Amino acid sequence: MKVLSRQTPLWLYALTLAAFAVQTDDFIIIGVLPDLAADLRVSEGAAGQLVTVYSLVYALTAPLWALLLSRIDRKQALLGALGVFGAANFAVPFVDSFPVLMGLRVAAALGAAVVLPAALAAATSTAPPERRGRYLATVMTGLTGAVLIGVPVGTYLGGALGWEATFVFAGVLGTAALLLIWAKVPHTPRPGVAPGIRVLLRPLRQRAVFLILLVTAVTVAGNLAFQTYLAPFLDGLASVTGTGLALLLVLSGAGGIAGTRFAGHIVDRHGALRALWSGGGLFCAGMAAFCALWVVRPVTVVLVALVLVCWSAAAWAVPPAIQALMIDRVGPEGATQAMALHSSSAYVGAALGGALGGTLVGLDAGLLPLTAALLVGLALGLVGFTVREDRVSSGREPKAEGSEVR
């Protein structure tokens, strides 16, 4: 893949659609969680563990796929993975038990573990240096678009046709991405020698990379502990269900897209670290606002919508900043391995967040935003501590924000 001009290449949109498909599938449970749990006769906390299992499978297999598929043409890998992903979702209407559904989520996660790291690596490794943040933000728009369009549409279909229809919808998206990648993404040359496990794990030798992976896991854990159980939280906060929930998810997704695009510009103009501080700080402020609203509930839906949009913008501004920090450290040549490890750490965080959120929602849903704020605040504290440590050890101010974390 070569970038021939400053105009956004068509293959980048194909990768964005693939990211949209797999992220819709990951988050689509949010809108149908109560109905799914009732139909399969499990608690909402147990049903939420479908997200946890999906995330764990992804986290454990993404680095392994990066190793095993390193000699396979990237386009072929994407097509095969999206084929498995689509088949797993199309089979959901034939499921009549929770364990079988869990098995299909495992299969879908195996496909997603190939798709998303490959899409992110392609965006970062082929972008001109001055547009790297915007290329990352473009692919990330597919992820935020899942919240804006994918999850609300899936929620509507689930209400109209049954929760199974939401997964069929995800399968349709995966198939559409498969066809667009087949048509637009060029083949890539195969490396002469497949990298070994040492090459895959080489980024971990850098202290900064290990820190970024830890910050990623903690940040995602905080966000997903809240986001996975957004439906019961909003129900308890303002009696939001059904169509109202779908509308709030649309507004949330719009805020997420705005936050992602803005973060891309901040990364390119002011550095990844400043973008991370801004997004993380606003995230914690949004969670504090939700804590206050929970104390005085019930509250108006309009007020909930305003805070929700701010939270979503902040939550989706953080990933491009962290990804840019990662690429700053490993360079374009290590992008594939680094993004596989980064995606894996994100899904470790998602699994932890899903499990933690499932426990908290059974105790008191008001604990969700408090826990999210504490975890993201902890992640920012880790970054701040390391930056101060670097300044003391070097005896001078770092030259570039993107390289402050060492």
Protein backbone atom coordinates (compact mmCIF):
# COMPACT_ATOMS: atom_id res chain seq x y z
CA MET A 1 0.00 0.00 0.00
CA LYS A 2 1.45 3.35 -1.01
CA VAL A 3 0.10 6.75 -0.35
CA LEU A 4 0.32 8.64 -3.62
CA SER A 5 -1.17 11.93 -2.50
CA ARG A 6 -2.57 13.80 0.45
CA GLN A 7 -6.05 12.68 -0.54
CA THR A 8 -7.43 9.90 1.65
CA PRO A 9 -6.94 6.60 -0.22
CA LEU A 10 -9.91 4.34 -0.86
CA TRP A 11 -8.31 1.38 0.89
CA LEU A 12 -8.37 3.37 4.14
CA TYR A 13 -12.16 3.54 3.95
CA ALA A 14 -12.28 -0.23 3.42
CA LEU A 15 -10.25 -0.71 6.59
CA THR A 16 -12.54 1.73 8.39
CA LEU A 17 -15.59 -0.31 7.44
CA ALA A 18 -13.89 -3.46 8.75
CA ALA A 19 -13.22 -1.69 12.06
CA PHE A 20 -16.84 -0.53 12.10
CA ALA A 21 -18.07 -4.10 11.64
CA VAL A 22 -16.00 -5.74 14.38
CA GLN A 23 -16.60 -2.91 16.86
CA THR A 24 -20.35 -2.99 16.24
CA ASP A 25 -20.26 -6.69 17.00
CA ASP A 26 -18.35 -6.08 20.23
CA PHE A 27 -20.67 -3.35 21.53
CA ILE A 28 -23.95 -4.53 20.05
CA ILE A 29 -24.81 -6.44 23.21
CA ILE A 30 -25.15 -3.11 25.05
CA GLY A 31 -28.50 -2.31 23.46
CA VAL A 32 -30.07 -5.77 23.77
CA LEU A 33 -28.59 -6.93 27.07
CA PRO A 34 -31.87 -6.99 29.06
CA ASP A 35 -33.84 -8.85 26.35
CA LEU A 36 -31.01 -11.31 25.68
CA ALA A 37 -30.66 -12.08 29.39
CA ALA A 38 -34.42 -12.58 29.85
CA ASP A 39 -34.77 -14.82 26.78
CA LEU A 40 -31.83 -17.04 27.73
CA ARG A 41 -32.82 -17.02 31.42
CA VAL A 42 -29.59 -15.57 32.78
CA SER A 43 -28.88 -12.44 34.82
CA GLU A 44 -27.79 -9.21 33.14
CA GLY A 45 -24.44 -9.56 34.87
CA ALA A 46 -24.01 -13.04 33.38
CA ALA A 47 -25.11 -11.88 29.92
CA GLY A 48 -22.56 -9.09 30.12
CA GLN A 49 -19.85 -11.73 30.38
CA LEU A 50 -20.36 -12.33 26.66
CA VAL A 51 -18.34 -9.12 26.32
CA THR A 52 -15.76 -10.41 28.79
CA VAL A 53 -15.25 -13.70 26.94
CA TYR A 54 -15.09 -11.92 23.58
CA SER A 55 -12.44 -9.58 24.98
CA LEU A 56 -10.38 -12.35 26.59
CA VAL A 57 -10.30 -14.42 23.42
CA TYR A 58 -9.28 -11.36 21.45
CA ALA A 59 -6.56 -10.43 23.94
CA LEU A 60 -5.04 -13.90 24.00
CA THR A 61 -5.11 -14.53 20.26
CA ALA A 62 -4.32 -11.15 18.64
CA PRO A 63 -0.53 -11.44 19.25
CA LEU A 64 -0.60 -15.11 18.24
CA TRP A 65 -2.35 -14.28 14.98
CA ALA A 66 0.24 -11.58 14.29
CA LEU A 67 2.89 -14.30 14.54
CA LEU A 68 1.13 -17.13 12.70
CA LEU A 69 -0.18 -14.97 9.84
CA SER A 70 2.98 -12.92 9.36
CA ARG A 71 3.80 -14.68 6.06
CA ILE A 72 0.26 -14.49 4.72
CA ASP A 73 -0.79 -11.68 2.44
CA ARG A 74 -2.58 -9.09 4.60
CA LYS A 75 -5.55 -8.94 2.24
CA GLN A 76 -6.02 -12.72 2.36
CA ALA A 77 -5.82 -12.68 6.16
CA LEU A 78 -8.47 -9.96 6.35
CA LEU A 79 -10.79 -11.79 3.96
CA GLY A 80 -10.49 -15.08 5.82
CA ALA A 81 -10.99 -13.47 9.22
CA LEU A 82 -14.06 -11.53 8.08
CA GLY A 83 -15.49 -14.74 6.63
CA VAL A 84 -15.27 -16.47 10.01
CA PHE A 85 -16.61 -13.37 11.73
CA GLY A 86 -19.66 -13.20 9.45
CA ALA A 87 -20.44 -16.91 9.75
CA ALA A 88 -20.35 -16.78 13.57
CA ASN A 89 -22.90 -13.95 13.61
CA PHE A 90 -25.19 -15.42 10.97
CA ALA A 91 -25.46 -18.59 13.11
CA VAL A 92 -26.86 -16.76 16.17
CA PRO A 93 -30.59 -17.09 15.19
CA PHE A 94 -30.19 -20.86 15.43
CA VAL A 95 -28.95 -20.67 19.05
CA ASP A 96 -31.24 -21.75 21.89
CA SER A 97 -28.83 -21.78 24.84
CA PHE A 98 -26.39 -19.41 26.50
CA PRO A 99 -23.33 -21.75 26.27
CA VAL A 100 -23.79 -22.13 22.50
CA LEU A 101 -24.06 -18.37 22.11
CA MET A 102 -20.88 -18.04 24.13
CA GLY A 103 -19.16 -20.39 21.68
CA LEU A 104 -20.22 -18.27 18.73
CA ARG A 105 -18.86 -15.17 20.48
CA VAL A 106 -15.53 -16.96 20.79
CA ALA A 107 -15.53 -17.64 17.03
CA ALA A 108 -16.40 -14.03 16.23
CA ALA A 109 -13.62 -12.81 18.52
CA LEU A 110 -11.09 -15.05 16.77
CA GLY A 111 -11.91 -13.30 13.50
CA ALA A 112 -11.90 -9.81 15.03
CA ALA A 113 -8.47 -10.47 16.58
CA VAL A 114 -7.05 -10.59 13.05
CA VAL A 115 -9.06 -7.73 11.54
CA LEU A 116 -8.58 -4.80 13.90
CA PRO A 117 -4.79 -4.98 14.48
CA ALA A 118 -4.23 -5.40 10.74
CA ALA A 119 -6.39 -2.37 9.96
CA LEU A 120 -4.66 -0.18 12.55
CA ALA A 121 -1.19 -1.32 11.51
CA ALA A 122 -1.95 -0.61 7.85
CA ALA A 123 -3.16 2.88 8.71
CA THR A 124 -0.09 3.76 10.79
CA SER A 125 2.65 2.13 8.72
CA THR A 126 1.59 3.60 5.38
CA ALA A 127 0.57 7.10 6.41
CA PRO A 128 2.80 10.12 5.72
CA PRO A 129 4.37 11.22 9.04
CA GLU A 130 2.45 14.49 9.05
CA ARG A 131 -0.89 12.72 8.58
CA ARG A 132 -0.42 9.69 10.82
CA GLY A 133 -2.76 11.01 13.49
CA ARG A 134 -5.49 11.65 10.93
CA TYR A 135 -5.12 8.21 9.34
CA LEU A 136 -5.41 6.63 12.79
CA ALA A 137 -8.42 8.81 13.50
CA THR A 138 -10.03 7.71 10.22
CA VAL A 139 -9.88 4.04 11.18
CA MET A 140 -10.95 4.94 14.71
CA THR A 141 -13.96 6.68 13.18
CA GLY A 142 -15.12 3.20 12.23
CA LEU A 143 -15.02 2.29 15.92
CA THR A 144 -16.89 5.39 17.06
CA GLY A 145 -19.28 5.02 14.14
CA ALA A 146 -20.22 1.66 15.61
CA VAL A 147 -21.61 3.52 18.62
CA LEU A 148 -23.21 6.22 16.47
CA ILE A 149 -24.81 3.96 13.86
CA GLY A 150 -24.11 0.28 14.46
CA VAL A 151 -25.30 -0.15 18.04
CA PRO A 152 -28.43 2.07 17.71
CA VAL A 153 -29.48 0.30 14.49
CA GLY A 154 -28.79 -3.05 16.15
CA THR A 155 -30.82 -1.97 19.18
CA TYR A 156 -33.73 -0.94 16.96
CA LEU A 157 -33.60 -4.22 15.03
CA GLY A 158 -33.43 -6.13 18.28
CA GLY A 159 -36.55 -4.40 19.54
CA ALA A 160 -38.43 -4.91 16.28
CA LEU A 161 -37.29 -8.39 15.25
CA GLY A 162 -35.76 -9.92 18.36
CA TRP A 163 -32.25 -9.65 19.82
CA GLU A 164 -30.94 -12.27 17.40
CA ALA A 165 -31.39 -9.78 14.56
CA THR A 166 -28.70 -7.56 16.04
CA PHE A 167 -26.07 -10.24 15.46
CA VAL A 168 -27.30 -10.90 11.93
CA PHE A 169 -26.85 -7.19 11.33
CA ALA A 170 -23.22 -7.48 12.51
CA GLY A 171 -22.76 -10.39 10.10
CA VAL A 172 -24.06 -8.26 7.23
CA LEU A 173 -21.59 -5.51 8.12
CA GLY A 174 -18.73 -8.00 8.18
CA THR A 175 -19.71 -9.34 4.77
CA ALA A 176 -19.89 -5.81 3.34
CA ALA A 177 -16.41 -5.09 4.70
CA LEU A 178 -15.15 -8.33 3.19
CA LEU A 179 -16.43 -7.36 -0.26
CA LEU A 180 -15.00 -3.82 -0.07
CA ILE A 181 -11.59 -5.08 1.05
CA TRP A 182 -11.64 -7.64 -1.75
CA ALA A 183 -12.32 -4.85 -4.24
CA LYS A 184 -10.14 -2.01 -2.88
CA VAL A 185 -7.29 -3.26 -0.71
CA PRO A 186 -4.23 -4.24 -2.75
CA HIS A 187 -2.18 -7.32 -2.03
CA THR A 188 0.91 -6.85 0.10
CA PRO A 189 4.28 -8.56 -0.43
CA ARG A 190 5.01 -11.48 1.83
CA PRO A 191 8.11 -11.27 4.01
CA GLY A 192 10.85 -13.74 3.20
CA VAL A 193 11.22 -14.98 6.76
CA ALA A 194 8.43 -15.17 9.30
CA PRO A 195 9.25 -13.36 12.54
CA GLY A 196 9.59 -15.44 15.68
CA ILE A 197 8.08 -14.93 19.09
CA ARG A 198 11.07 -12.78 20.09
CA VAL A 199 10.31 -10.36 17.28
CA LEU A 200 6.67 -10.20 18.29
CA LEU A 201 7.55 -9.44 21.90
CA ARG A 202 10.50 -7.17 21.10
CA PRO A 203 8.50 -3.96 21.75
CA LEU A 204 8.01 -5.11 25.36
CA ARG A 205 11.72 -4.66 25.99
CA GLN A 206 11.19 -0.92 25.92
CA ARG A 207 10.05 0.48 29.23
CA ALA A 208 7.87 3.06 27.50
CA VAL A 209 6.06 0.42 25.44
CA PHE A 210 5.29 -1.67 28.50
CA LEU A 211 3.95 1.45 30.21
CA ILE A 212 1.75 2.30 27.23
CA LEU A 213 0.31 -1.23 27.23
CA LEU A 214 -0.41 -0.96 30.95
CA VAL A 215 -2.02 2.46 30.55
CA THR A 216 -4.12 1.09 27.69
CA ALA A 217 -5.39 -1.85 29.75
CA VAL A 218 -6.27 0.29 32.77
CA THR A 219 -7.95 3.00 30.66
CA VAL A 220 -10.05 0.52 28.68
CA ALA A 221 -10.99 -1.35 31.87
CA GLY A 222 -12.39 1.85 33.32
CA ASN A 223 -14.30 2.79 30.20
CA LEU A 224 -15.74 -0.67 29.52
CA ALA A 225 -16.78 -1.21 33.13
CA PHE A 226 -19.12 1.72 32.54
CA GLN A 227 -19.98 1.31 28.86
CA THR A 228 -20.87 -2.39 28.91
CA TYR A 229 -23.62 -1.74 31.46
CA LEU A 230 -24.72 1.60 30.06
CA ALA A 231 -28.29 0.36 29.49
CA PRO A 232 -29.06 -0.58 33.12
CA PHE A 233 -27.22 2.54 34.34
CA LEU A 234 -29.29 4.88 32.15
CA ASP A 235 -32.46 3.03 33.11
CA GLY A 236 -31.74 3.63 36.77
CA LEU A 237 -30.62 7.22 36.18
CA ALA A 238 -33.46 8.50 33.98
CA SER A 239 -35.69 5.47 33.12
CA VAL A 240 -34.20 5.34 29.62
CA THR A 241 -35.12 2.22 27.61
CA GLY A 242 -35.98 1.16 24.07
CA THR A 243 -36.15 4.00 21.54
CA GLY A 244 -34.82 6.51 24.06
CA LEU A 245 -31.75 4.36 24.62
CA ALA A 246 -31.16 4.04 20.88
CA LEU A 247 -31.37 7.84 20.48
CA LEU A 248 -28.91 8.43 23.31
CA LEU A 249 -26.52 5.94 21.73
CA VAL A 250 -26.72 7.89 18.48
CA LEU A 251 -25.84 11.12 20.30
CA SER A 252 -23.08 9.31 22.15
CA GLY A 253 -21.63 8.05 18.90
CA ALA A 254 -21.74 11.53 17.38
CA GLY A 255 -19.75 12.82 20.33
CA GLY A 256 -17.31 9.95 19.92
CA ILE A 257 -16.67 10.72 16.27
CA ALA A 258 -16.09 14.39 17.07
CA GLY A 259 -13.69 13.45 19.86
CA THR A 260 -11.78 11.01 17.67
CA ARG A 261 -11.33 13.48 14.82
CA PHE A 262 -10.31 16.27 17.18
CA ALA A 263 -7.79 13.99 18.88
CA GLY A 264 -6.23 13.22 15.48
CA HIS A 265 -5.64 16.91 14.85
CA ILE A 266 -4.23 17.42 18.36
CA VAL A 267 -1.82 14.50 17.86
CA ASP A 268 -0.57 15.94 14.57
CA ARG A 269 -0.24 19.54 15.82
CA HIS A 270 0.64 19.29 19.50
CA GLY A 271 1.72 15.72 20.17
CA ALA A 272 0.15 12.54 21.43
CA LEU A 273 0.77 13.27 25.10
CA ARG A 274 -1.23 16.49 25.11
CA ALA A 275 -4.10 14.72 23.35
CA LEU A 276 -4.02 12.02 26.03
CA TRP A 277 -4.08 14.52 28.90
CA SER A 278 -7.01 16.39 27.36
CA GLY A 279 -9.12 13.33 26.61
CA GLY A 280 -8.41 11.60 29.92
CA GLY A 281 -9.13 14.71 31.95
CA LEU A 282 -12.47 15.31 30.23
CA PHE A 283 -13.36 11.62 30.71
CA CYS A 284 -12.86 11.86 34.47
CA ALA A 285 -14.92 15.05 34.58
CA GLY A 286 -17.77 13.32 32.74
CA MET A 287 -17.72 10.37 35.14
CA ALA A 288 -17.76 12.76 38.11
CA ALA A 289 -20.84 14.43 36.62
CA PHE A 290 -22.61 11.07 36.29
CA CYS A 291 -21.77 10.27 39.93
CA ALA A 292 -23.40 13.54 40.99
CA LEU A 293 -26.46 12.89 38.83
CA TRP A 294 -26.86 9.42 40.31
CA VAL A 295 -27.09 10.90 43.79
CA VAL A 296 -29.99 13.21 42.77
CA ARG A 297 -31.73 10.80 40.37
CA PRO A 298 -34.08 10.66 38.58
CA VAL A 299 -32.87 13.39 36.23
CA THR A 300 -34.01 14.70 32.86
CA VAL A 301 -32.97 12.91 29.70
CA VAL A 302 -31.67 16.17 28.23
CA LEU A 303 -29.13 16.54 31.03
CA VAL A 304 -28.13 12.90 30.67
CA ALA A 305 -27.61 13.41 26.92
CA LEU A 306 -25.29 16.38 27.45
CA VAL A 307 -23.04 14.50 29.86
CA LEU A 308 -23.16 11.36 27.71
CA VAL A 309 -21.93 13.23 24.62
CA CYS A 310 -19.04 14.79 26.58
CA TRP A 311 -18.09 11.41 28.03
CA SER A 312 -18.16 9.72 24.64
CA ALA A 313 -16.06 12.44 23.00
CA ALA A 314 -13.45 12.09 25.74
CA ALA A 315 -13.49 8.29 25.74
CA TRP A 316 -12.87 8.10 22.00
CA ALA A 317 -10.24 10.85 22.02
CA VAL A 318 -7.95 8.69 24.17
CA PRO A 319 -7.26 5.68 21.84
CA PRO A 320 -5.67 7.62 18.92
CA ALA A 321 -3.40 9.40 21.40
CA ILE A 322 -2.25 6.14 23.01
CA GLN A 323 -1.77 4.48 19.61
CA ALA A 324 0.32 7.43 18.41
CA LEU A 325 2.46 7.18 21.55
CA MET A 326 3.04 3.53 20.73
CA ILE A 327 4.11 4.20 17.14
CA ASP A 328 6.38 7.02 18.35
CA ARG A 329 8.30 4.44 20.34
CA VAL A 330 8.51 1.49 17.92
CA GLY A 331 8.49 3.24 14.53
CA PRO A 332 6.60 2.18 11.38
CA GLU A 333 8.70 -0.97 10.98
CA GLY A 334 7.38 -2.38 14.25
CA ALA A 335 3.80 -1.23 13.74
CA THR A 336 2.22 -4.65 13.08
CA GLN A 337 3.66 -6.33 16.17
CA ALA A 338 3.11 -3.25 18.32
CA MET A 339 -0.52 -2.80 17.30
CA ALA A 340 -1.23 -6.49 17.90
CA LEU A 341 0.16 -6.14 21.42
CA HIS A 342 -1.67 -2.85 21.86
CA SER A 343 -4.98 -4.35 20.73
CA SER A 344 -4.38 -7.31 23.01
CA SER A 345 -3.80 -5.04 26.01
CA ALA A 346 -6.96 -3.12 25.13
CA TYR A 347 -9.01 -6.29 25.17
CA VAL A 348 -7.40 -7.43 28.42
CA GLY A 349 -8.70 -4.16 29.80
CA ALA A 350 -12.09 -4.77 28.21
CA ALA A 351 -12.30 -8.22 29.80
CA LEU A 352 -11.36 -6.83 33.20
CA GLY A 353 -13.79 -3.96 32.78
CA GLY A 354 -16.63 -6.24 31.72
CA ALA A 355 -16.07 -8.56 34.68
CA LEU A 356 -15.73 -5.67 37.12
CA GLY A 357 -18.79 -3.93 35.73
CA GLY A 358 -20.83 -7.12 36.02
CA THR A 359 -20.03 -7.25 39.73
CA LEU A 360 -20.70 -3.54 40.32
CA VAL A 361 -24.04 -3.43 38.48
CA GLY A 362 -25.28 -6.20 40.79
CA LEU A 363 -24.35 -4.09 43.82
CA ASP A 364 -25.20 -0.55 42.72
CA ALA A 365 -25.05 0.81 39.16
CA GLY A 366 -23.96 4.15 40.59
CA LEU A 367 -20.56 2.59 41.32
CA LEU A 368 -19.87 2.24 37.59
CA PRO A 369 -18.89 5.86 36.77
CA LEU A 370 -16.96 6.20 40.04
CA THR A 371 -14.86 3.14 39.24
CA ALA A 372 -14.33 4.30 35.66
CA ALA A 373 -13.05 7.69 36.83
CA LEU A 374 -10.68 6.11 39.37
CA LEU A 375 -9.16 3.73 36.81
CA VAL A 376 -8.65 6.36 34.10
CA GLY A 377 -7.25 8.74 36.71
CA LEU A 378 -4.82 5.99 37.73
CA ALA A 379 -3.71 5.57 34.12
CA LEU A 380 -3.07 9.31 33.76
CA GLY A 381 -1.17 9.23 37.02
CA LEU A 382 1.11 6.49 35.67
CA VAL A 383 1.91 8.61 32.63
CA GLY A 384 2.49 11.72 34.72
CA PHE A 385 4.80 9.91 37.14
CA THR A 386 6.93 8.57 34.30
CA VAL A 387 7.14 11.97 32.59
CA ARG A 388 8.34 13.61 35.81
CA GLU A 389 10.83 10.80 36.35
CA ASP A 390 12.23 11.33 32.85
CA ARG A 391 12.58 15.07 33.39
CA VAL A 392 14.47 14.56 36.64
CA SER A 393 16.78 11.93 35.15
CA SER A 394 17.51 13.96 32.00
CA GLY A 395 17.79 17.29 33.78
CA ARG A 396 15.90 19.04 30.97
CA GLU A 397 12.52 19.32 29.32
CA PRO A 398 11.76 16.69 26.66
CA LYS A 399 11.99 17.96 23.10
CA ALA A 400 8.75 16.46 21.83
CA GLU A 401 5.57 15.53 23.60
CA GLY A 402 5.26 12.29 21.69
CA SER A 403 8.62 11.17 23.06
CA GLU A 404 8.19 12.19 26.67
CA VAL A 405 7.17 8.72 27.79
CA ARG A 406 10.37 6.66 27.72
